[in-house]
Every structure is written in C-alpha cells, then in structure tokens.
Amino acid sequence: MDTKAKIKDILVKLLRVKVEELKDSVTLQESIGVDSTEMVEAIIALEKAFNTKISTKEISKLSTIDEIEQVIQSKLSKV
C-alpha cells in the first residue's frame, strides 16, 4: 500500500467518511468538517502508522491529503 492510500485508509476509519470524499486537495476542516479534536486524533494515528513524529509547526500546515502526504514522505525519506 502506498503512502497516500495508507493515509486515506487511516482517515476513512478514523473520521468515518467515504474514501471518495477524501480528494487529494480537499481541505479536511472546511470540506469534510474535521474539528480540532479529530485532527489531533488523526495526527496521532498517522504518527503511529508511519512510526514518525509530526511537529507542531508541521501540523499547522496540514489541511489536505496532499500536504499530509508531503510531510510524511519527507519524514520517511530521512530515515
């Protein structure tokens, strides 16, 4: 499973949305209605799934699937 597919799988299960709703450039907070608590839960789940740590500075930049993938890919390439 590639990185983007894994991210979407985690978010589908956690946010209880359909995978079709998770378009790559969809803003999670505005388009899907993800609140701050759900976003924190999503970040924790992603950190566990990819065995990485996402900084507070990086978290503030995460609003789309593409942005999440970019941050995770940059972390994975450093390992």
PDB file of N, CA and C in Angstrom:
ATOM      1  N   MET A   1       0.855  -1.181   0.000  1.00  0.00           N
ATOM      2  CA  MET A   1       0.000   0.000   0.000  1.00  0.00           C
ATOM      3  C   MET A   1       0.901   1.244   0.000  1.00  0.00           C
ATOM      4  N   ASP A   2       0.633   2.148  -0.928  1.00  0.00           N
ATOM      5  CA  ASP A   2       1.466   3.345  -0.972  1.00  0.00           C
ATOM      6  C   ASP A   2       1.073   4.313   0.149  1.00  0.00           C
ATOM      7  N   THR A   3       1.878   5.345   0.333  1.00  0.00           N
ATOM      8  CA  THR A   3       1.693   6.281   1.436  1.00  0.00           C
ATOM      9  C   THR A   3       0.324   6.953   1.400  1.00  0.00           C
ATOM     10  N   LYS A   4      -0.056   7.470   0.243  1.00  0.00           N
ATOM     11  CA  LYS A   4      -1.331   8.187   0.142  1.00  0.00           C
ATOM     12  C   LYS A   4      -2.509   7.253   0.442  1.00  0.00           C
ATOM     13  N   ALA A   5      -2.453   6.037  -0.059  1.00  0.00           N
ATOM     14  CA  ALA A   5      -3.528   5.070   0.188  1.00  0.00           C
ATOM     15  C   ALA A   5      -3.616   4.738   1.677  1.00  0.00           C
ATOM     16  N   LYS A   6      -2.474   4.618   2.321  1.00  0.00           N
ATOM     17  CA  LYS A   6      -2.445   4.315   3.752  1.00  0.00           C
ATOM     18  C   LYS A   6      -3.015   5.485   4.561  1.00  0.00           C
ATOM     19  N   ILE A   7      -2.667   6.705   4.178  1.00  0.00           N
ATOM     20  CA  ILE A   7      -3.205   7.901   4.839  1.00  0.00           C
ATOM     21  C   ILE A   7      -4.726   7.915   4.711  1.00  0.00           C
ATOM     22  N   LYS A   8      -5.208   7.701   3.487  1.00  0.00           N
ATOM     23  CA  LYS A   8      -6.653   7.713   3.255  1.00  0.00           C
ATOM     24  C   LYS A   8      -7.346   6.610   4.047  1.00  0.00           C
ATOM     25  N   ASP A   9      -6.755   5.434   4.098  1.00  0.00           N
ATOM     26  CA  ASP A   9      -7.330   4.322   4.846  1.00  0.00           C
ATOM     27  C   ASP A   9      -7.477   4.683   6.329  1.00  0.00           C
ATOM     28  N   ILE A  10      -6.455   5.279   6.890  1.00  0.00           N
ATOM     29  CA  ILE A  10      -6.488   5.690   8.298  1.00  0.00           C
ATOM     30  C   ILE A  10      -7.582   6.730   8.516  1.00  0.00           C
ATOM     31  N   LEU A  11      -7.645   7.720   7.639  1.00  0.00           N
ATOM     32  CA  LEU A  11      -8.622   8.792   7.794  1.00  0.00           C
ATOM     33  C   LEU A  11     -10.059   8.305   7.593  1.00  0.00           C
ATOM     34  N   VAL A  12     -10.259   7.381   6.657  1.00  0.00           N
ATOM     35  CA  VAL A  12     -11.600   6.816   6.432  1.00  0.00           C
ATOM     36  C   VAL A  12     -12.096   6.133   7.702  1.00  0.00           C
ATOM     37  N   LYS A  13     -11.239   5.331   8.306  1.00  0.00           N
ATOM     38  CA  LYS A  13     -11.627   4.607   9.522  1.00  0.00           C
ATOM     39  C   LYS A  13     -11.837   5.554  10.697  1.00  0.00           C
ATOM     40  N   LEU A  14     -10.949   6.510  10.848  1.00  0.00           N
ATOM     41  CA  LEU A  14     -10.994   7.414  11.991  1.00  0.00           C
ATOM     42  C   LEU A  14     -12.126   8.431  11.894  1.00  0.00           C
ATOM     43  N   LEU A  15     -12.301   9.008  10.718  1.00  0.00           N
ATOM     44  CA  LEU A  15     -13.283  10.088  10.542  1.00  0.00           C
ATOM     45  C   LEU A  15     -14.650   9.587  10.083  1.00  0.00           C
ATOM     46  N   ARG A  16     -14.717   8.300   9.770  1.00  0.00           N
ATOM     47  CA  ARG A  16     -15.965   7.685   9.296  1.00  0.00           C
ATOM     48  C   ARG A  16     -16.535   8.418   8.086  1.00  0.00           C
ATOM     49  N   VAL A  17     -15.660   8.604   7.108  1.00  0.00           N
ATOM     50  CA  VAL A  17     -16.074   9.200   5.835  1.00  0.00           C
ATOM     51  C   VAL A  17     -15.822   8.191   4.727  1.00  0.00           C
ATOM     52  N   LYS A  18     -16.387   8.440   3.579  1.00  0.00           N
ATOM     53  CA  LYS A  18     -16.152   7.576   2.428  1.00  0.00           C
ATOM     54  C   LYS A  18     -14.857   7.998   1.754  1.00  0.00           C
ATOM     55  N   VAL A  19     -14.141   7.029   1.224  1.00  0.00           N
ATOM     56  CA  VAL A  19     -12.863   7.325   0.577  1.00  0.00           C
ATOM     57  C   VAL A  19     -13.051   8.317  -0.571  1.00  0.00           C
ATOM     58  N   GLU A  20     -14.225   8.299  -1.202  1.00  0.00           N
ATOM     59  CA  GLU A  20     -14.495   9.227  -2.306  1.00  0.00           C
ATOM     60  C   GLU A  20     -14.500  10.681  -1.829  1.00  0.00           C
ATOM     61  N   GLU A  21     -14.785  10.903  -0.560  1.00  0.00           N
ATOM     62  CA  GLU A  21     -14.802  12.253  -0.002  1.00  0.00           C
ATOM     63  C   GLU A  21     -13.396  12.795   0.212  1.00  0.00           C
ATOM     64  N   LEU A  22     -12.415  11.905   0.282  1.00  0.00           N
ATOM     65  CA  LEU A  22     -11.045  12.309   0.566  1.00  0.00           C
ATOM     66  C   LEU A  22     -10.264  12.585  -0.720  1.00  0.00           C
ATOM     67  N   LYS A  23     -10.660  13.607  -1.409  1.00  0.00           N
ATOM     68  CA  LYS A  23      -9.921  14.040  -2.597  1.00  0.00           C
ATOM     69  C   LYS A  23      -8.587  14.608  -2.133  1.00  0.00           C
ATOM     70  N   ASP A  24      -7.569  14.489  -2.969  1.00  0.00           N
ATOM     71  CA  ASP A  24      -6.217  14.880  -2.571  1.00  0.00           C
ATOM     72  C   ASP A  24      -6.096  16.335  -2.132  1.00  0.00           C
ATOM     73  N   SER A  25      -6.857  17.217  -2.759  1.00  0.00           N
ATOM     74  CA  SER A  25      -6.729  18.631  -2.432  1.00  0.00           C
ATOM     75  C   SER A  25      -7.879  19.163  -1.576  1.00  0.00           C
ATOM     76  N   VAL A  26      -8.739  18.275  -1.081  1.00  0.00           N
ATOM     77  CA  VAL A  26      -9.860  18.684  -0.231  1.00  0.00           C
ATOM     78  C   VAL A  26      -9.324  19.125   1.130  1.00  0.00           C
ATOM     79  N   THR A  27      -9.793  20.267   1.591  1.00  0.00           N
ATOM     80  CA  THR A  27      -9.426  20.753   2.913  1.00  0.00           C
ATOM     81  C   THR A  27     -10.252  19.999   3.944  1.00  0.00           C
ATOM     82  N   LEU A  28      -9.574  19.252   4.779  1.00  0.00           N
ATOM     83  CA  LEU A  28     -10.270  18.382   5.731  1.00  0.00           C
ATOM     84  C   LEU A  28     -11.186  19.158   6.674  1.00  0.00           C
ATOM     85  N   GLN A  29     -10.712  20.270   7.209  1.00  0.00           N
ATOM     86  CA  GLN A  29     -11.510  21.023   8.169  1.00  0.00           C
ATOM     87  C   GLN A  29     -12.725  21.670   7.516  1.00  0.00           C
ATOM     88  N   GLU A  30     -12.548  22.300   6.380  1.00  0.00           N
ATOM     89  CA  GLU A  30     -13.634  23.047   5.751  1.00  0.00           C
ATOM     90  C   GLU A  30     -14.568  22.161   4.939  1.00  0.00           C
ATOM     91  N   SER A  31     -14.041  21.269   4.148  1.00  0.00           N
ATOM     92  CA  SER A  31     -14.869  20.467   3.244  1.00  0.00           C
ATOM     93  C   SER A  31     -15.525  19.273   3.911  1.00  0.00           C
ATOM     94  N   ILE A  32     -14.815  18.636   4.817  1.00  0.00           N
ATOM     95  CA  ILE A  32     -15.346  17.428   5.453  1.00  0.00           C
ATOM     96  C   ILE A  32     -15.852  17.723   6.865  1.00  0.00           C
ATOM     97  N   GLY A  33     -15.455  18.851   7.428  1.00  0.00           N
ATOM     98  CA  GLY A  33     -15.914  19.222   8.764  1.00  0.00           C
ATOM     99  C   GLY A  33     -15.120  18.604   9.896  1.00  0.00           C
ATOM    100  N   VAL A  34     -13.851  18.312   9.650  1.00  0.00           N
ATOM    101  CA  VAL A  34     -12.991  17.746  10.685  1.00  0.00           C
ATOM    102  C   VAL A  34     -12.731  18.827  11.733  1.00  0.00           C
ATOM    103  N   ASP A  35     -13.027  18.513  12.999  1.00  0.00           N
ATOM    104  CA  ASP A  35     -12.766  19.501  14.051  1.00  0.00           C
ATOM    105  C   ASP A  35     -11.366  19.300  14.626  1.00  0.00           C
ATOM    106  N   SER A  36     -10.983  20.170  15.537  1.00  0.00           N
ATOM    107  CA  SER A  36      -9.613  20.141  16.067  1.00  0.00           C
ATOM    108  C   SER A  36      -9.314  18.842  16.812  1.00  0.00           C
ATOM    109  N   THR A  37     -10.281  18.313  17.528  1.00  0.00           N
ATOM    110  CA  THR A  37     -10.073  17.047  18.246  1.00  0.00           C
ATOM    111  C   THR A  37      -9.846  15.902  17.274  1.00  0.00           C
ATOM    112  N   GLU A  38     -10.655  15.844  16.223  1.00  0.00           N
ATOM    113  CA  GLU A  38     -10.488  14.802  15.209  1.00  0.00           C
ATOM    114  C   GLU A  38      -9.143  14.939  14.497  1.00  0.00           C
ATOM    115  N   MET A  39      -8.715  16.174  14.279  1.00  0.00           N
ATOM    116  CA  MET A  39      -7.429  16.390  13.614  1.00  0.00           C
ATOM    117  C   MET A  39      -6.287  15.887  14.488  1.00  0.00           C
ATOM    118  N   VAL A  40      -6.359  16.140  15.781  1.00  0.00           N
ATOM    119  CA  VAL A  40      -5.332  15.651  16.708  1.00  0.00           C
ATOM    120  C   VAL A  40      -5.313  14.122  16.705  1.00  0.00           C
ATOM    121  N   GLU A  41      -6.490  13.514  16.749  1.00  0.00           N
ATOM    122  CA  GLU A  41      -6.577  12.048  16.704  1.00  0.00           C
ATOM    123  C   GLU A  41      -5.997  11.510  15.402  1.00  0.00           C
ATOM    124  N   ALA A  42      -6.257  12.200  14.304  1.00  0.00           N
ATOM    125  CA  ALA A  42      -5.731  11.780  13.004  1.00  0.00           C
ATOM    126  C   ALA A  42      -4.211  11.865  12.984  1.00  0.00           C
ATOM    127  N   ILE A  43      -3.660  12.940  13.512  1.00  0.00           N
ATOM    128  CA  ILE A  43      -2.201  13.105  13.558  1.00  0.00           C
ATOM    129  C   ILE A  43      -1.573  12.000  14.392  1.00  0.00           C
ATOM    130  N   ILE A  44      -2.158  11.701  15.540  1.00  0.00           N
ATOM    131  CA  ILE A  44      -1.628  10.631  16.400  1.00  0.00           C
ATOM    132  C   ILE A  44      -1.677   9.293  15.676  1.00  0.00           C
ATOM    133  N   ALA A  45      -2.783   9.014  15.014  1.00  0.00           N
ATOM    134  CA  ALA A  45      -2.907   7.753  14.267  1.00  0.00           C
ATOM    135  C   ALA A  45      -1.880   7.674  13.138  1.00  0.00           C
ATOM    136  N   LEU A  46      -1.666   8.784  12.452  1.00  0.00           N
ATOM    137  CA  LEU A  46      -0.685   8.802  11.360  1.00  0.00           C
ATOM    138  C   LEU A  46       0.734   8.629  11.894  1.00  0.00           C
ATOM    139  N   GLU A  47       1.033   9.279  13.017  1.00  0.00           N
ATOM    140  CA  GLU A  47       2.359   9.121  13.626  1.00  0.00           C
ATOM    141  C   GLU A  47       2.622   7.666  13.982  1.00  0.00           C
ATOM    142  N   LYS A  48       1.629   7.010  14.550  1.00  0.00           N
ATOM    143  CA  LYS A  48       1.779   5.593  14.920  1.00  0.00           C
ATOM    144  C   LYS A  48       1.928   4.719  13.677  1.00  0.00           C
ATOM    145  N   ALA A  49       1.101   4.959  12.684  1.00  0.00           N
ATOM    146  CA  ALA A  49       1.106   4.129  11.479  1.00  0.00           C
ATOM    147  C   ALA A  49       2.418   4.236  10.710  1.00  0.00           C
ATOM    148  N   PHE A  50       3.001   5.431  10.711  1.00  0.00           N
ATOM    149  CA  PHE A  50       4.231   5.639   9.944  1.00  0.00           C
ATOM    150  C   PHE A  50       5.472   5.696  10.834  1.00  0.00           C
ATOM    151  N   ASN A  51       5.270   5.446  12.132  1.00  0.00           N
ATOM    152  CA  ASN A  51       6.374   5.425  13.083  1.00  0.00           C
ATOM    153  C   ASN A  51       7.231   6.684  12.965  1.00  0.00           C
ATOM    154  N   THR A  52       6.579   7.834  13.079  1.00  0.00           N
ATOM    155  CA  THR A  52       7.262   9.105  12.960  1.00  0.00           C
ATOM    156  C   THR A  52       6.630  10.117  13.897  1.00  0.00           C
ATOM    157  N   LYS A  53       7.241  11.272  14.025  1.00  0.00           N
ATOM    158  CA  LYS A  53       6.720  12.351  14.865  1.00  0.00           C
ATOM    159  C   LYS A  53       6.501  13.563  13.979  1.00  0.00           C
ATOM    160  N   ILE A  54       5.324  14.155  14.086  1.00  0.00           N
ATOM    161  CA  ILE A  54       4.997  15.350  13.313  1.00  0.00           C
ATOM    162  C   ILE A  54       5.004  16.523  14.275  1.00  0.00           C
ATOM    163  N   SER A  55       5.833  17.527  13.987  1.00  0.00           N
ATOM    164  CA  SER A  55       5.986  18.665  14.891  1.00  0.00           C
ATOM    165  C   SER A  55       4.764  19.582  14.849  1.00  0.00           C
ATOM    166  N   THR A  56       4.649  20.400  15.869  1.00  0.00           N
ATOM    167  CA  THR A  56       3.551  21.364  15.950  1.00  0.00           C
ATOM    168  C   THR A  56       3.582  22.300  14.753  1.00  0.00           C
ATOM    169  N   LYS A  57       4.764  22.705  14.348  1.00  0.00           N
ATOM    170  CA  LYS A  57       4.918  23.593  13.192  1.00  0.00           C
ATOM    171  C   LYS A  57       4.384  22.913  11.924  1.00  0.00           C
ATOM    172  N   GLU A  58       4.685  21.634  11.761  1.00  0.00           N
ATOM    173  CA  GLU A  58       4.212  20.880  10.593  1.00  0.00           C
ATOM    174  C   GLU A  58       2.708  20.661  10.645  1.00  0.00           C
ATOM    175  N   ILE A  59       2.190  20.405  11.836  1.00  0.00           N
ATOM    176  CA  ILE A  59       0.759  20.159  11.988  1.00  0.00           C
ATOM    177  C   ILE A  59      -0.051  21.355  11.503  1.00  0.00           C
ATOM    178  N   SER A  60       0.433  22.552  11.770  1.00  0.00           N
ATOM    179  CA  SER A  60      -0.301  23.748  11.360  1.00  0.00           C
ATOM    180  C   SER A  60      -0.412  23.870   9.846  1.00  0.00           C
ATOM    181  N   LYS A  61       0.435  23.157   9.107  1.00  0.00           N
ATOM    182  CA  LYS A  61       0.420  23.204   7.646  1.00  0.00           C
ATOM    183  C   LYS A  61      -0.453  22.104   7.029  1.00  0.00           C
ATOM    184  N   LEU A  62      -0.955  21.199   7.836  1.00  0.00           N
ATOM    185  CA  LEU A  62      -1.684  20.046   7.323  1.00  0.00           C
ATOM    186  C   LEU A  62      -3.181  20.317   7.211  1.00  0.00           C
ATOM    187  N   SER A  63      -3.655  20.453   5.989  1.00  0.00           N
ATOM    188  CA  SER A  63      -5.095  20.623   5.826  1.00  0.00           C
ATOM    189  C   SER A  63      -5.650  19.784   4.676  1.00  0.00           C
ATOM    190  N   THR A  64      -4.766  19.235   3.835  1.00  0.00           N
ATOM    191  CA  THR A  64      -5.216  18.394   2.723  1.00  0.00           C
ATOM    192  C   THR A  64      -4.457  17.073   2.744  1.00  0.00           C
ATOM    193  N   ILE A  65      -4.961  16.106   2.013  1.00  0.00           N
ATOM    194  CA  ILE A  65      -4.284  14.808   1.886  1.00  0.00           C
ATOM    195  C   ILE A  65      -2.897  15.006   1.269  1.00  0.00           C
ATOM    196  N   ASP A  66      -2.809  15.856   0.251  1.00  0.00           N
ATOM    197  CA  ASP A  66      -1.521  16.117  -0.394  1.00  0.00           C
ATOM    198  C   ASP A  66      -0.500  16.666   0.598  1.00  0.00           C
ATOM    199  N   GLU A  67      -0.918  17.601   1.447  1.00  0.00           N
ATOM    200  CA  GLU A  67       0.002  18.189   2.427  1.00  0.00           C
ATOM    201  C   GLU A  67       0.432  17.153   3.464  1.00  0.00           C
ATOM    202  N   ILE A  68      -0.505  16.326   3.897  1.00  0.00           N
ATOM    203  CA  ILE A  68      -0.163  15.270   4.856  1.00  0.00           C
ATOM    204  C   ILE A  68       0.844  14.309   4.230  1.00  0.00           C
ATOM    205  N   GLU A  69       0.588  13.931   2.982  1.00  0.00           N
ATOM    206  CA  GLU A  69       1.498  13.012   2.299  1.00  0.00           C
ATOM    207  C   GLU A  69       2.895  13.617   2.158  1.00  0.00           C
ATOM    208  N   GLN A  70       2.982  14.885   1.808  1.00  0.00           N
ATOM    209  CA  GLN A  70       4.286  15.540   1.645  1.00  0.00           C
ATOM    210  C   GLN A  70       5.089  15.514   2.937  1.00  0.00           C
ATOM    211  N   VAL A  71       4.433  15.824   4.060  1.00  0.00           N
ATOM    212  CA  VAL A  71       5.130  15.829   5.357  1.00  0.00           C
ATOM    213  C   VAL A  71       5.590  14.420   5.718  1.00  0.00           C
ATOM    214  N   ILE A  72       4.727  13.445   5.546  1.00  0.00           N
ATOM    215  CA  ILE A  72       5.085  12.056   5.900  1.00  0.00           C
ATOM    216  C   ILE A  72       6.186  11.547   4.983  1.00  0.00           C
ATOM    217  N   GLN A  73       6.080  11.825   3.690  1.00  0.00           N
ATOM    218  CA  GLN A  73       7.128  11.394   2.749  1.00  0.00           C
ATOM    219  C   GLN A  73       8.472  12.007   3.122  1.00  0.00           C
ATOM    220  N   SER A  74       8.487  13.277   3.520  1.00  0.00           N
ATOM    221  CA  SER A  74       9.751  13.908   3.887  1.00  0.00           C
ATOM    222  C   SER A  74      10.338  13.248   5.134  1.00  0.00           C
ATOM    223  N   LYS A  75       9.482  12.831   6.053  1.00  0.00           N
ATOM    224  CA  LYS A  75       9.943  12.136   7.257  1.00  0.00           C
ATOM    225  C   LYS A  75      10.497  10.756   6.908  1.00  0.00           C
ATOM    226  N   LEU A  76       9.787  10.045   6.047  1.00  0.00           N
ATOM    227  CA  LEU A  76      10.212   8.699   5.681  1.00  0.00           C
ATOM    228  C   LEU A  76      11.507   8.706   4.883  1.00  0.00           C
ATOM    229  N   SER A  77      11.734   9.739   4.108  1.00  0.00           N
ATOM    230  CA  SER A  77      12.952   9.794   3.293  1.00  0.00           C
ATOM    231  C   SER A  77      14.179  10.105   4.148  1.00  0.00           C
ATOM    232  N   LYS A  78      13.965  10.650   5.341  1.00  0.00           N
ATOM    233  CA  LYS A  78      15.083  10.971   6.250  1.00  0.00           C
ATOM    234  C   LYS A  78      15.533   9.764   7.062  1.00  0.00           C
ATOM    235  N   VAL A  79      14.702   8.722   7.080  1.00  0.00           N
ATOM    236  CA  VAL A  79      15.022   7.537   7.892  1.00  0.00           C
ATOM    237  C   VAL A  79      16.008   6.660   7.188  1.00  0.00           C
TER     238      VAL A  79
END
